[in-house]
Amino acid sequence: MASKMKIRRDDQVLVISGKDRGKTGRVLRVDPKTERVYVEGLNIVKRHQRPRPGSTEPGGVVEKEGPIHISNVMLLDPQDNKPTRVGITRENGKRFRVAKRTGNKVD
């Protein structure tokens, strides 16, 4: 069973290792099973795609975002836009994400 991810869709993240190190972007998709995230405009890969009849997508070489392991990205603190670790706190039975740098709730 996949664990709960501390990074979610539409979060702003910083890539801390790999070919796109130092770049930031918005998380488009999260895959908890493989612990990977897809970040807008980062880790671009080329895929050869056949044209599909009745579809608007053309065939040819298509560039799209590839997966990045969750350990290679850090959440950007919404308050000061600096990378932070994420903690979990509970209040009244609800679970909240907390930025470790500032102690403020992320969402």
C-alpha atoms as a PDB file:
ATOM      1  CA  MET A   1       0.000   0.000   0.000  1.00  0.00           C
ATOM      2  CA  ALA A   2       1.270   3.442  -0.927  1.00  0.00           C
ATOM      3  CA  SER A   3       1.893   5.926   1.865  1.00  0.00           C
ATOM      4  CA  LYS A   4       0.340   9.369   2.074  1.00  0.00           C
ATOM      5  CA  MET A   5       2.281  11.864  -0.003  1.00  0.00           C
ATOM      6  CA  LYS A   6       3.271  15.183   1.548  1.00  0.00           C
ATOM      7  CA  ILE A   7       3.382  16.876  -1.848  1.00  0.00           C
ATOM      8  CA  ARG A   8       0.108  17.317  -3.707  1.00  0.00           C
ATOM      9  CA  ARG A   9      -1.120  18.520  -7.082  1.00  0.00           C
ATOM     10  CA  ASP A  10      -0.805  22.295  -7.710  1.00  0.00           C
ATOM     11  CA  ASP A  11       1.996  22.682  -5.129  1.00  0.00           C
ATOM     12  CA  GLN A  12       5.026  24.775  -6.099  1.00  0.00           C
ATOM     13  CA  VAL A  13       8.185  22.661  -5.787  1.00  0.00           C
ATOM     14  CA  LEU A  14      11.936  23.031  -6.242  1.00  0.00           C
ATOM     15  CA  VAL A  15      13.937  20.218  -7.857  1.00  0.00           C
ATOM     16  CA  ILE A  16      16.934  19.460  -5.623  1.00  0.00           C
ATOM     17  CA  SER A  17      18.712  16.841  -7.736  1.00  0.00           C
ATOM     18  CA  GLY A  18      18.886  15.566 -11.281  1.00  0.00           C
ATOM     19  CA  LYS A  19      19.210  17.302 -14.624  1.00  0.00           C
ATOM     20  CA  ASP A  20      16.690  20.022 -13.684  1.00  0.00           C
ATOM     21  CA  ARG A  21      18.241  20.855 -10.311  1.00  0.00           C
ATOM     22  CA  GLY A  22      17.456  24.371  -9.096  1.00  0.00           C
ATOM     23  CA  LYS A  23      14.352  24.794 -11.248  1.00  0.00           C
ATOM     24  CA  THR A  24      10.884  25.317  -9.862  1.00  0.00           C
ATOM     25  CA  GLY A  25       7.465  24.387 -11.156  1.00  0.00           C
ATOM     26  CA  ARG A  26       3.901  23.404 -10.356  1.00  0.00           C
ATOM     27  CA  VAL A  27       3.020  19.772  -9.694  1.00  0.00           C
ATOM     28  CA  LEU A  28       0.695  18.508 -12.412  1.00  0.00           C
ATOM     29  CA  ARG A  29       0.180  14.953 -11.204  1.00  0.00           C
ATOM     30  CA  VAL A  30       1.172  12.756  -8.265  1.00  0.00           C
ATOM     31  CA  ASP A  31       1.635   8.989  -8.473  1.00  0.00           C
ATOM     32  CA  PRO A  32       1.622   7.619  -4.891  1.00  0.00           C
ATOM     33  CA  LYS A  33       2.144   4.019  -5.982  1.00  0.00           C
ATOM     34  CA  THR A  34       5.571   4.724  -7.504  1.00  0.00           C
ATOM     35  CA  GLU A  35       6.252   7.808  -5.311  1.00  0.00           C
ATOM     36  CA  ARG A  36       6.747  10.101  -8.297  1.00  0.00           C
ATOM     37  CA  VAL A  37       5.515  13.547  -9.286  1.00  0.00           C
ATOM     38  CA  TYR A  38       5.107  15.240 -12.660  1.00  0.00           C
ATOM     39  CA  VAL A  39       6.221  18.887 -12.605  1.00  0.00           C
ATOM     40  CA  GLU A  40       5.125  21.390 -15.220  1.00  0.00           C
ATOM     41  CA  GLY A  41       7.917  22.117 -17.718  1.00  0.00           C
ATOM     42  CA  LEU A  42      10.537  19.936 -16.004  1.00  0.00           C
ATOM     43  CA  ASN A  43      12.116  16.579 -16.904  1.00  0.00           C
ATOM     44  CA  ILE A  44      10.905  16.884 -20.492  1.00  0.00           C
ATOM     45  CA  VAL A  45      11.077  13.585 -22.382  1.00  0.00           C
ATOM     46  CA  LYS A  46      10.410  12.843 -26.053  1.00  0.00           C
ATOM     47  CA  ARG A  47       7.957  10.144 -27.010  1.00  0.00           C
ATOM     48  CA  HIS A  48       7.094   8.851 -30.474  1.00  0.00           C
ATOM     49  CA  GLN A  49       3.339   8.829 -30.825  1.00  0.00           C
ATOM     50  CA  ARG A  50       1.119   7.467 -33.573  1.00  0.00           C
ATOM     51  CA  PRO A  51      -1.729   9.639 -34.798  1.00  0.00           C
ATOM     52  CA  ARG A  52      -5.076   8.427 -33.486  1.00  0.00           C
ATOM     53  CA  PRO A  53      -8.114   8.594 -35.747  1.00  0.00           C
ATOM     54  CA  GLY A  54     -10.773  10.968 -34.435  1.00  0.00           C
ATOM     55  CA  SER A  55      -8.357  12.582 -31.994  1.00  0.00           C
ATOM     56  CA  THR A  56      -6.961  16.101 -32.067  1.00  0.00           C
ATOM     57  CA  GLU A  57      -3.467  14.913 -31.125  1.00  0.00           C
ATOM     58  CA  PRO A  58      -1.119  14.689 -34.089  1.00  0.00           C
ATOM     59  CA  GLY A  59       1.432  11.943 -34.475  1.00  0.00           C
ATOM     60  CA  GLY A  60       5.190  12.355 -34.408  1.00  0.00           C
ATOM     61  CA  VAL A  61       7.646  13.185 -31.675  1.00  0.00           C
ATOM     62  CA  VAL A  62       5.817  14.604 -28.656  1.00  0.00           C
ATOM     63  CA  GLU A  63       7.531  16.323 -25.742  1.00  0.00           C
ATOM     64  CA  LYS A  64       5.938  15.921 -22.322  1.00  0.00           C
ATOM     65  CA  GLU A  65       6.817  15.935 -18.636  1.00  0.00           C
ATOM     66  CA  GLY A  66       8.407  12.823 -17.203  1.00  0.00           C
ATOM     67  CA  PRO A  67       8.224  11.594 -13.617  1.00  0.00           C
ATOM     68  CA  ILE A  68      10.537  12.824 -10.850  1.00  0.00           C
ATOM     69  CA  HIS A  69      10.968  10.868  -7.629  1.00  0.00           C
ATOM     70  CA  ILE A  70       9.359  12.529  -4.621  1.00  0.00           C
ATOM     71  CA  SER A  71      12.691  12.611  -2.753  1.00  0.00           C
ATOM     72  CA  ASN A  72      14.180  14.841  -5.460  1.00  0.00           C
ATOM     73  CA  VAL A  73      11.735  17.720  -4.952  1.00  0.00           C
ATOM     74  CA  MET A  74      11.053  20.079  -2.043  1.00  0.00           C
ATOM     75  CA  LEU A  75       7.943  22.087  -1.376  1.00  0.00           C
ATOM     76  CA  LEU A  76       8.312  25.862  -1.647  1.00  0.00           C
ATOM     77  CA  ASP A  77       6.986  27.655   1.422  1.00  0.00           C
ATOM     78  CA  PRO A  78       4.083  29.832   0.225  1.00  0.00           C
ATOM     79  CA  GLN A  79       5.033  32.563   2.690  1.00  0.00           C
ATOM     80  CA  ASP A  80       8.592  33.318   1.523  1.00  0.00           C
ATOM     81  CA  ASN A  81       9.032  31.051  -1.550  1.00  0.00           C
ATOM     82  CA  LYS A  82      11.978  29.127  -0.075  1.00  0.00           C
ATOM     83  CA  PRO A  83      12.292  25.317   0.051  1.00  0.00           C
ATOM     84  CA  THR A  84      11.035  23.631   3.201  1.00  0.00           C
ATOM     85  CA  ARG A  85      10.402  20.208   4.603  1.00  0.00           C
ATOM     86  CA  VAL A  86       6.815  19.233   5.272  1.00  0.00           C
ATOM     87  CA  GLY A  87       5.412  18.011   8.571  1.00  0.00           C
ATOM     88  CA  ILE A  88       1.973  16.794   9.589  1.00  0.00           C
ATOM     89  CA  THR A  89      -0.090  18.152  12.464  1.00  0.00           C
ATOM     90  CA  ARG A  90      -3.561  17.219  13.622  1.00  0.00           C
ATOM     91  CA  GLU A  91      -6.212  19.558  14.989  1.00  0.00           C
ATOM     92  CA  ASN A  92      -9.744  18.503  15.882  1.00  0.00           C
ATOM     93  CA  GLY A  93      -9.337  15.229  14.015  1.00  0.00           C
ATOM     94  CA  LYS A  94      -8.164  16.909  10.807  1.00  0.00           C
ATOM     95  CA  ARG A  95      -4.745  16.459   9.233  1.00  0.00           C
ATOM     96  CA  PHE A  96      -2.813  19.531   8.070  1.00  0.00           C
ATOM     97  CA  ARG A  97       0.512  19.964   6.306  1.00  0.00           C
ATOM     98  CA  VAL A  98       2.943  22.316   8.048  1.00  0.00           C
ATOM     99  CA  ALA A  99       6.071  24.003   6.674  1.00  0.00           C
ATOM    100  CA  LYS A 100       9.006  23.105   8.918  1.00  0.00           C
ATOM    101  CA  ARG A 101      10.828  26.417   8.212  1.00  0.00           C
ATOM    102  CA  THR A 102       8.082  28.724   9.433  1.00  0.00           C
ATOM    103  CA  GLY A 103       5.637  26.435  11.218  1.00  0.00           C
ATOM    104  CA  ASN A 104       2.729  27.782   9.154  1.00  0.00           C
ATOM    105  CA  LYS A 105       0.049  25.615   7.578  1.00  0.00           C
ATOM    106  CA  VAL A 106       0.577  24.969   3.893  1.00  0.00           C
ATOM    107  CA  ASP A 107      -3.083  24.432   3.055  1.00  0.00           C
END
